[in-house]
Amino acid sequence: MNTLTDFKKYLATPNARVRLISVGGRPANPSIAGWRTVGKLQTNAVAFVSDTASGLSWMNFPAASKCQFDGNTATLDGLVYECEPLP
């Protein structure tokens, strides 16, 4: 992945999963760092399947200038996500 568009295309693929690995340079809390499956994708946000009352946990996409990409990791405004390789 090289751009926010590439990341969104990855999220649109069936069975795409990501996990939060770092928040502001510190390791993510294990309670929120598990693999998450995409439940819904919009142009401005993505919802991951969760055990909340609504069943979804939303993440808004930041401006592309606040994003960095390196291989299978995406840094979005200080949050670092690892993308699971697709088969």
Protein backbone atom coordinates (compact mmCIF):
# COMPACT_ATOMS: atom_id res chain seq x y z
CA MET A 1 0.00 0.00 0.00
CA ASN A 2 1.22 3.44 -0.87
CA THR A 3 -1.80 5.72 -0.50
CA LEU A 4 -5.01 6.16 1.45
CA THR A 5 -6.85 5.03 -1.68
CA ASP A 6 -4.87 1.76 -1.67
CA PHE A 7 -5.78 1.25 2.00
CA LYS A 8 -9.47 1.82 1.26
CA LYS A 9 -9.29 -0.65 -1.65
CA TYR A 10 -7.74 -3.21 0.71
CA LEU A 11 -10.56 -2.65 3.22
CA ALA A 12 -13.13 -3.17 0.44
CA THR A 13 -11.86 -6.67 -0.35
CA PRO A 14 -13.79 -9.59 1.17
CA ASN A 15 -12.39 -10.85 4.50
CA ALA A 16 -10.04 -7.87 4.92
CA ARG A 17 -8.78 -7.64 8.50
CA VAL A 18 -6.59 -5.17 10.37
CA ARG A 19 -5.26 -4.86 13.88
CA LEU A 20 -4.19 -1.83 15.83
CA ILE A 21 -0.55 -2.21 16.85
CA SER A 22 0.42 1.26 18.07
CA VAL A 23 -1.20 4.45 19.34
CA GLY A 24 0.95 7.59 19.31
CA GLY A 25 4.16 5.56 19.25
CA ARG A 26 3.16 3.32 22.17
CA PRO A 27 1.96 -0.29 21.86
CA ALA A 28 -1.81 -0.62 21.70
CA ASN A 29 -3.70 -1.92 24.71
CA PRO A 30 -4.24 -5.68 24.22
CA SER A 31 -7.99 -5.27 24.77
CA ILE A 32 -8.25 -3.23 21.53
CA ALA A 33 -5.36 -4.72 19.57
CA GLY A 34 -7.01 -7.86 18.18
CA TRP A 35 -7.76 -8.55 14.54
CA ARG A 36 -10.85 -6.71 13.30
CA THR A 37 -12.99 -7.52 10.29
CA VAL A 38 -14.53 -4.80 8.17
CA GLY A 39 -18.27 -4.56 8.74
CA LYS A 40 -19.05 -1.50 6.63
CA LEU A 41 -16.99 0.83 4.45
CA GLN A 42 -17.87 4.38 3.49
CA THR A 43 -15.82 7.03 1.69
CA ASN A 44 -15.10 8.87 4.94
CA ALA A 45 -15.05 6.01 7.50
CA VAL A 46 -14.84 2.29 8.11
CA ALA A 47 -16.75 0.24 10.68
CA PHE A 48 -15.20 -2.85 12.20
CA VAL A 49 -17.28 -5.68 13.63
CA SER A 50 -17.20 -5.44 17.43
CA ASP A 51 -19.04 -6.54 20.53
CA THR A 52 -20.52 -3.09 21.20
CA ALA A 53 -24.27 -2.53 21.41
CA SER A 54 -24.42 -1.49 17.74
CA GLY A 55 -22.12 -4.32 16.67
CA LEU A 56 -19.78 -1.89 14.91
CA SER A 57 -16.82 0.24 15.92
CA TRP A 58 -16.29 3.24 13.62
CA MET A 59 -13.02 4.87 12.51
CA ASN A 60 -13.07 8.06 10.44
CA PHE A 61 -10.40 8.44 7.79
CA PRO A 62 -8.09 11.41 8.35
CA ALA A 63 -6.84 13.65 5.54
CA ALA A 64 -4.41 11.84 3.24
CA SER A 65 -1.65 14.19 4.41
CA LYS A 66 -1.92 12.62 7.90
CA CYS A 67 -1.38 9.09 6.56
CA GLN A 68 1.75 7.05 5.92
CA PHE A 69 2.06 3.59 4.42
CA ASP A 70 4.83 1.03 4.52
CA GLY A 71 4.21 -2.44 3.12
CA ASN A 72 1.34 -3.92 5.10
CA THR A 73 1.17 -1.17 7.74
CA ALA A 74 -0.90 1.98 7.64
CA THR A 75 -0.33 4.93 9.97
CA LEU A 76 -3.45 7.07 10.17
CA ASP A 77 -3.05 10.19 12.29
CA GLY A 78 -0.82 8.41 14.85
CA LEU A 79 -2.68 5.08 14.84
CA VAL A 80 -0.68 2.24 13.30
CA TYR A 81 -2.63 -0.64 11.76
CA GLU A 82 -1.26 -3.90 10.43
CA CYS A 83 -3.13 -5.34 7.45
CA GLU A 84 -3.51 -9.09 7.22
CA PRO A 85 -2.20 -10.40 3.88
CA LEU A 86 -5.00 -11.60 1.64
CA PRO A 87 -4.85 -15.13 0.22
